[in-house]
PDB file of N, CA and C in Angstrom:
ATOM      1  N   MET A   1     -16.594  17.797  -5.084  1.00  0.00           N
ATOM      2  CA  MET A   1     -15.341  17.096  -5.246  1.00  0.00           C
ATOM      3  C   MET A   1     -14.310  17.680  -4.290  1.00  0.00           C
ATOM      4  N   ALA A   2     -13.486  16.833  -3.699  1.00  0.00           N
ATOM      5  CA  ALA A   2     -12.515  17.258  -2.698  1.00  0.00           C
ATOM      6  C   ALA A   2     -11.357  18.020  -3.339  1.00  0.00           C
ATOM      7  N   ASP A   3     -10.883  19.000  -2.617  1.00  0.00           N
ATOM      8  CA  ASP A   3      -9.738  19.784  -3.071  1.00  0.00           C
ATOM      9  C   ASP A   3      -8.461  18.968  -2.894  1.00  0.00           C
ATOM     10  N   ARG A   4      -7.506  19.139  -3.805  1.00  0.00           N
ATOM     11  CA  ARG A   4      -6.260  18.356  -3.746  1.00  0.00           C
ATOM     12  C   ARG A   4      -5.394  18.750  -2.570  1.00  0.00           C
ATOM     13  N   THR A   5      -5.661  19.898  -1.948  1.00  0.00           N
ATOM     14  CA  THR A   5      -4.884  20.297  -0.777  1.00  0.00           C
ATOM     15  C   THR A   5      -5.512  19.780   0.512  1.00  0.00           C
ATOM     16  N   ASP A   6      -6.642  19.117   0.404  1.00  0.00           N
ATOM     17  CA  ASP A   6      -7.306  18.542   1.563  1.00  0.00           C
ATOM     18  C   ASP A   6      -6.403  17.470   2.183  1.00  0.00           C
ATOM     19  N   PRO A   7      -6.207  17.486   3.500  1.00  0.00           N
ATOM     20  CA  PRO A   7      -5.317  16.495   4.134  1.00  0.00           C
ATOM     21  C   PRO A   7      -5.772  15.054   3.914  1.00  0.00           C
ATOM     22  N   GLY A   8      -7.061  14.815   3.841  1.00  0.00           N
ATOM     23  CA  GLY A   8      -7.551  13.458   3.607  1.00  0.00           C
ATOM     24  C   GLY A   8      -7.174  12.939   2.229  1.00  0.00           C
ATOM     25  N   VAL A   9      -7.279  13.803   1.233  1.00  0.00           N
ATOM     26  CA  VAL A   9      -6.929  13.415  -0.131  1.00  0.00           C
ATOM     27  C   VAL A   9      -5.427  13.152  -0.232  1.00  0.00           C
ATOM     28  N   ARG A  10      -4.641  13.970   0.450  1.00  0.00           N
ATOM     29  CA  ARG A  10      -3.187  13.773   0.443  1.00  0.00           C
ATOM     30  C   ARG A  10      -2.812  12.477   1.155  1.00  0.00           C
ATOM     31  N   LEU A  11      -3.528  12.134   2.226  1.00  0.00           N
ATOM     32  CA  LEU A  11      -3.263  10.886   2.946  1.00  0.00           C
ATOM     33  C   LEU A  11      -3.568   9.678   2.063  1.00  0.00           C
ATOM     34  N   VAL A  12      -4.704   9.718   1.367  1.00  0.00           N
ATOM     35  CA  VAL A  12      -5.068   8.611   0.479  1.00  0.00           C
ATOM     36  C   VAL A  12      -4.035   8.470  -0.633  1.00  0.00           C
ATOM     37  N   SER A  13      -3.586   9.590  -1.189  1.00  0.00           N
ATOM     38  CA  SER A  13      -2.566   9.536  -2.248  1.00  0.00           C
ATOM     39  C   SER A  13      -1.254   8.959  -1.724  1.00  0.00           C
ATOM     40  N   ALA A  14      -0.865   9.353  -0.519  1.00  0.00           N
ATOM     41  CA  ALA A  14       0.360   8.825   0.077  1.00  0.00           C
ATOM     42  C   ALA A  14       0.240   7.330   0.354  1.00  0.00           C
ATOM     43  N   LEU A  15      -0.915   6.886   0.821  1.00  0.00           N
ATOM     44  CA  LEU A  15      -1.126   5.461   1.075  1.00  0.00           C
ATOM     45  C   LEU A  15      -1.092   4.659  -0.220  1.00  0.00           C
ATOM     46  N   ARG A  16      -1.662   5.215  -1.293  1.00  0.00           N
ATOM     47  CA  ARG A  16      -1.619   4.523  -2.582  1.00  0.00           C
ATOM     48  C   ARG A  16      -0.190   4.382  -3.081  1.00  0.00           C
ATOM     49  N   LEU A  17       0.573   5.450  -2.966  1.00  0.00           N
ATOM     50  CA  LEU A  17       1.971   5.401  -3.398  1.00  0.00           C
ATOM     51  C   LEU A  17       2.758   4.397  -2.556  1.00  0.00           C
ATOM     52  N   ALA A  18       2.555   4.424  -1.236  1.00  0.00           N
ATOM     53  CA  ALA A  18       3.246   3.480  -0.357  1.00  0.00           C
ATOM     54  C   ALA A  18       2.856   2.045  -0.688  1.00  0.00           C
ATOM     55  N   ALA A  19       1.579   1.820  -0.994  1.00  0.00           N
ATOM     56  CA  ALA A  19       1.126   0.472  -1.333  1.00  0.00           C
ATOM     57  C   ALA A  19       1.823  -0.042  -2.586  1.00  0.00           C
ATOM     58  N   VAL A  20       1.887   0.791  -3.611  1.00  0.00           N
ATOM     59  CA  VAL A  20       2.524   0.364  -4.865  1.00  0.00           C
ATOM     60  C   VAL A  20       4.002   0.050  -4.637  1.00  0.00           C
ATOM     61  N   VAL A  21       4.690   0.927  -3.913  1.00  0.00           N
ATOM     62  CA  VAL A  21       6.122   0.736  -3.675  1.00  0.00           C
ATOM     63  C   VAL A  21       6.366  -0.510  -2.828  1.00  0.00           C
ATOM     64  N   LEU A  22       5.623  -0.665  -1.735  1.00  0.00           N
ATOM     65  CA  LEU A  22       5.839  -1.817  -0.847  1.00  0.00           C
ATOM     66  C   LEU A  22       5.481  -3.138  -1.524  1.00  0.00           C
ATOM     67  N   LEU A  23       4.420  -3.143  -2.305  1.00  0.00           N
ATOM     68  CA  LEU A  23       4.070  -4.371  -3.029  1.00  0.00           C
ATOM     69  C   LEU A  23       5.137  -4.732  -4.051  1.00  0.00           C
ATOM     70  N   ALA A  24       5.649  -3.742  -4.754  1.00  0.00           N
ATOM     71  CA  ALA A  24       6.698  -4.008  -5.746  1.00  0.00           C
ATOM     72  C   ALA A  24       7.974  -4.502  -5.077  1.00  0.00           C
ATOM     73  N   VAL A  25       8.368  -3.883  -3.979  1.00  0.00           N
ATOM     74  CA  VAL A  25       9.580  -4.301  -3.265  1.00  0.00           C
ATOM     75  C   VAL A  25       9.415  -5.701  -2.689  1.00  0.00           C
ATOM     76  N   GLY A  26       8.289  -5.950  -2.068  1.00  0.00           N
ATOM     77  CA  GLY A  26       8.056  -7.269  -1.478  1.00  0.00           C
ATOM     78  C   GLY A  26       8.013  -8.375  -2.508  1.00  0.00           C
ATOM     79  N   PHE A  27       7.297  -8.135  -3.602  1.00  0.00           N
ATOM     80  CA  PHE A  27       7.167  -9.173  -4.619  1.00  0.00           C
ATOM     81  C   PHE A  27       8.485  -9.407  -5.350  1.00  0.00           C
ATOM     82  N   SER A  28       9.174  -8.328  -5.708  1.00  0.00           N
ATOM     83  CA  SER A  28      10.447  -8.511  -6.401  1.00  0.00           C
ATOM     84  C   SER A  28      11.490  -9.136  -5.470  1.00  0.00           C
ATOM     85  N   GLY A  29      11.431  -8.835  -4.201  1.00  0.00           N
ATOM     86  CA  GLY A  29      12.335  -9.477  -3.240  1.00  0.00           C
ATOM     87  C   GLY A  29      12.105 -10.967  -3.146  1.00  0.00           C
ATOM     88  N   TRP A  30      10.844 -11.364  -3.175  1.00  0.00           N
ATOM     89  CA  TRP A  30      10.550 -12.792  -3.172  1.00  0.00           C
ATOM     90  C   TRP A  30      11.122 -13.463  -4.405  1.00  0.00           C
ATOM     91  N   LEU A  31      10.951 -12.830  -5.555  1.00  0.00           N
ATOM     92  CA  LEU A  31      11.394 -13.453  -6.809  1.00  0.00           C
ATOM     93  C   LEU A  31      12.908 -13.527  -6.928  1.00  0.00           C
ATOM     94  N   PHE A  32      13.578 -12.425  -6.634  1.00  0.00           N
ATOM     95  CA  PHE A  32      15.010 -12.343  -6.908  1.00  0.00           C
ATOM     96  C   PHE A  32      15.891 -12.799  -5.750  1.00  0.00           C
ATOM     97  N   ASP A  33      15.531 -12.460  -4.528  1.00  0.00           N
ATOM     98  CA  ASP A  33      16.395 -12.778  -3.389  1.00  0.00           C
ATOM     99  C   ASP A  33      16.140 -14.176  -2.839  1.00  0.00           C
ATOM    100  N   ASP A  34      14.886 -14.551  -2.715  1.00  0.00           N
ATOM    101  CA  ASP A  34      14.548 -15.837  -2.111  1.00  0.00           C
ATOM    102  C   ASP A  34      14.355 -16.936  -3.145  1.00  0.00           C
ATOM    103  N   GLY A  35      14.620 -16.669  -4.398  1.00  0.00           N
ATOM    104  CA  GLY A  35      14.490 -17.683  -5.435  1.00  0.00           C
ATOM    105  C   GLY A  35      13.057 -18.106  -5.703  1.00  0.00           C
ATOM    106  N   GLY A  36      12.103 -17.219  -5.486  1.00  0.00           N
ATOM    107  CA  GLY A  36      10.702 -17.533  -5.730  1.00  0.00           C
ATOM    108  C   GLY A  36      10.034 -18.263  -4.592  1.00  0.00           C
ATOM    109  N   GLU A  37      10.775 -18.493  -3.513  1.00  0.00           N
ATOM    110  CA  GLU A  37      10.221 -19.202  -2.374  1.00  0.00           C
ATOM    111  C   GLU A  37       9.788 -18.197  -1.311  1.00  0.00           C
ATOM    112  N   VAL A  38       8.569 -18.314  -0.831  1.00  0.00           N
ATOM    113  CA  VAL A  38       8.038 -17.394   0.172  1.00  0.00           C
ATOM    114  C   VAL A  38       8.380 -17.919   1.553  1.00  0.00           C
ATOM    115  N   SER A  39       9.103 -17.105   2.326  1.00  0.00           N
ATOM    116  CA  SER A  39       9.383 -17.466   3.721  1.00  0.00           C
ATOM    117  C   SER A  39       8.799 -16.380   4.608  1.00  0.00           C
ATOM    118  N   LEU A  40       8.125 -16.795   5.646  1.00  0.00           N
ATOM    119  CA  LEU A  40       7.415 -15.848   6.504  1.00  0.00           C
ATOM    120  C   LEU A  40       8.343 -14.957   7.320  1.00  0.00           C
ATOM    121  N   GLU A  41       9.582 -15.356   7.541  1.00  0.00           N
ATOM    122  CA  GLU A  41      10.501 -14.537   8.316  1.00  0.00           C
ATOM    123  C   GLU A  41      11.304 -13.559   7.454  1.00  0.00           C
ATOM    124  N   SER A  42      11.019 -13.501   6.178  1.00  0.00           N
ATOM    125  CA  SER A  42      11.712 -12.607   5.266  1.00  0.00           C
ATOM    126  C   SER A  42      11.198 -11.171   5.422  1.00  0.00           C
ATOM    127  N   PRO A  43      12.083 -10.171   5.335  1.00  0.00           N
ATOM    128  CA  PRO A  43      11.619  -8.781   5.382  1.00  0.00           C
ATOM    129  C   PRO A  43      10.758  -8.423   4.171  1.00  0.00           C
ATOM    130  N   PHE A  44      10.908  -9.176   3.094  1.00  0.00           N
ATOM    131  CA  PHE A  44      10.081  -8.922   1.913  1.00  0.00           C
ATOM    132  C   PHE A  44       8.633  -9.321   2.171  1.00  0.00           C
ATOM    133  N   THR A  45       8.411 -10.301   3.020  1.00  0.00           N
ATOM    134  CA  THR A  45       7.054 -10.672   3.398  1.00  0.00           C
ATOM    135  C   THR A  45       6.407  -9.543   4.178  1.00  0.00           C
ATOM    136  N   LEU A  46       7.176  -8.920   5.074  1.00  0.00           N
ATOM    137  CA  LEU A  46       6.655  -7.782   5.828  1.00  0.00           C
ATOM    138  C   LEU A  46       6.348  -6.610   4.913  1.00  0.00           C
ATOM    139  N   ALA A  47       7.213  -6.350   3.942  1.00  0.00           N
ATOM    140  CA  ALA A  47       6.975  -5.259   2.991  1.00  0.00           C
ATOM    141  C   ALA A  47       5.718  -5.531   2.171  1.00  0.00           C
ATOM    142  N   PHE A  48       5.548  -6.761   1.720  1.00  0.00           N
ATOM    143  CA  PHE A  48       4.367  -7.109   0.934  1.00  0.00           C
ATOM    144  C   PHE A  48       3.105  -6.984   1.782  1.00  0.00           C
ATOM    145  N   GLY A  49       3.145  -7.458   3.009  1.00  0.00           N
ATOM    146  CA  GLY A  49       1.991  -7.345   3.909  1.00  0.00           C
ATOM    147  C   GLY A  49       1.651  -5.897   4.221  1.00  0.00           C
ATOM    148  N   ALA A  50       2.679  -5.068   4.426  1.00  0.00           N
ATOM    149  CA  ALA A  50       2.433  -3.643   4.664  1.00  0.00           C
ATOM    150  C   ALA A  50       1.843  -2.986   3.424  1.00  0.00           C
ATOM    151  N   GLY A  51       2.262  -3.411   2.251  1.00  0.00           N
ATOM    152  CA  GLY A  51       1.693  -2.888   1.008  1.00  0.00           C
ATOM    153  C   GLY A  51       0.224  -3.237   0.858  1.00  0.00           C
ATOM    154  N   VAL A  52      -0.129  -4.455   1.206  1.00  0.00           N
ATOM    155  CA  VAL A  52      -1.534  -4.868   1.161  1.00  0.00           C
ATOM    156  C   VAL A  52      -2.352  -4.059   2.171  1.00  0.00           C
ATOM    157  N   ALA A  53      -1.799  -3.852   3.359  1.00  0.00           N
ATOM    158  CA  ALA A  53      -2.501  -3.060   4.373  1.00  0.00           C
ATOM    159  C   ALA A  53      -2.693  -1.616   3.912  1.00  0.00           C
ATOM    160  N   CYS A  54      -1.675  -1.027   3.292  1.00  0.00           N
ATOM    161  CA  CYS A  54      -1.795   0.338   2.763  1.00  0.00           C
ATOM    162  C   CYS A  54      -2.845   0.400   1.658  1.00  0.00           C
ATOM    163  N   ALA A  55      -2.899  -0.620   0.826  1.00  0.00           N
ATOM    164  CA  ALA A  55      -3.887  -0.644  -0.258  1.00  0.00           C
ATOM    165  C   ALA A  55      -5.299  -0.695   0.307  1.00  0.00           C
ATOM    166  N   PHE A  56      -5.541  -1.564   1.282  1.00  0.00           N
ATOM    167  CA  PHE A  56      -6.864  -1.637   1.895  1.00  0.00           C
ATOM    168  C   PHE A  56      -7.225  -0.340   2.606  1.00  0.00           C
ATOM    169  N   ALA A  57      -6.268   0.254   3.308  1.00  0.00           N
ATOM    170  CA  ALA A  57      -6.531   1.514   4.015  1.00  0.00           C
ATOM    171  C   ALA A  57      -6.851   2.632   3.033  1.00  0.00           C
ATOM    172  N   SER A  58      -6.133   2.701   1.920  1.00  0.00           N
ATOM    173  CA  SER A  58      -6.406   3.764   0.949  1.00  0.00           C
ATOM    174  C   SER A  58      -7.765   3.572   0.284  1.00  0.00           C
ATOM    175  N   ILE A  59      -8.147   2.329   0.021  1.00  0.00           N
ATOM    176  CA  ILE A  59      -9.471   2.071  -0.555  1.00  0.00           C
ATOM    177  C   ILE A  59     -10.565   2.473   0.429  1.00  0.00           C
ATOM    178  N   TYR A  60     -10.425   2.061   1.683  1.00  0.00           N
ATOM    179  CA  TYR A  60     -11.421   2.387   2.700  1.00  0.00           C
ATOM    180  C   TYR A  60     -11.529   3.896   2.890  1.00  0.00           C
ATOM    181  N   LEU A  61     -10.389   4.565   3.040  1.00  0.00           N
ATOM    182  CA  LEU A  61     -10.420   6.011   3.246  1.00  0.00           C
ATOM    183  C   LEU A  61     -10.930   6.743   2.017  1.00  0.00           C
ATOM    184  N   GLY A  62     -10.603   6.257   0.826  1.00  0.00           N
ATOM    185  CA  GLY A  62     -11.114   6.872  -0.396  1.00  0.00           C
ATOM    186  C   GLY A  62     -12.629   6.801  -0.472  1.00  0.00           C
ATOM    187  N   ILE A  63     -13.197   5.669  -0.117  1.00  0.00           N
ATOM    188  CA  ILE A  63     -14.657   5.524  -0.108  1.00  0.00           C
ATOM    189  C   ILE A  63     -15.258   6.403   0.982  1.00  0.00           C
ATOM    190  N   PHE A  64     -14.655   6.406   2.164  1.00  0.00           N
ATOM    191  CA  PHE A  64     -15.156   7.200   3.281  1.00  0.00           C
ATOM    192  C   PHE A  64     -15.122   8.690   2.952  1.00  0.00           C
ATOM    193  N   LEU A  65     -14.029   9.150   2.357  1.00  0.00           N
ATOM    194  CA  LEU A  65     -13.918  10.564   2.035  1.00  0.00           C
ATOM    195  C   LEU A  65     -14.841  10.972   0.895  1.00  0.00           C
ATOM    196  N   ALA A  66     -15.133  10.067  -0.025  1.00  0.00           N
ATOM    197  CA  ALA A  66     -16.034  10.384  -1.131  1.00  0.00           C
ATOM    198  C   ALA A  66     -17.472  10.534  -0.654  1.00  0.00           C
ATOM    199  N   ASN A  67     -17.826   9.852   0.422  1.00  0.00           N
ATOM    200  CA  ASN A  67     -19.202   9.871   0.918  1.00  0.00           C
ATOM    201  C   ASN A  67     -19.407  10.785   2.114  1.00  0.00           C
ATOM    202  N   ARG A  68     -18.476  11.662   2.419  1.00  0.00           N
ATOM    203  CA  ARG A  68     -18.618  12.496   3.611  1.00  0.00           C
ATOM    204  C   ARG A  68     -19.453  13.739   3.380  1.00  0.00           C
ATOM    205  N   GLU A  69     -19.809  14.036   2.139  1.00  0.00           N
ATOM    206  CA  GLU A  69     -20.567  15.246   1.855  1.00  0.00           C
ATOM    207  C   GLU A  69     -22.039  15.073   2.117  1.00  0.00           C
TER     208      GLU A  69
END
């Protein structure tokens, strides 16, 4: 099992945290600021997309780091 001070484990944890925060900001921005309407030029769309990218990256790196032994 990987040590919690391992840089890879810390990176995955940071990506997970960033994903949760960006997804929450993007989704709540769509609901409250844009009236539930999704517009592609909104900064909340970029935040939501970055959150999805962070989530995929953390999943990929988590699997990769678990199988490196």
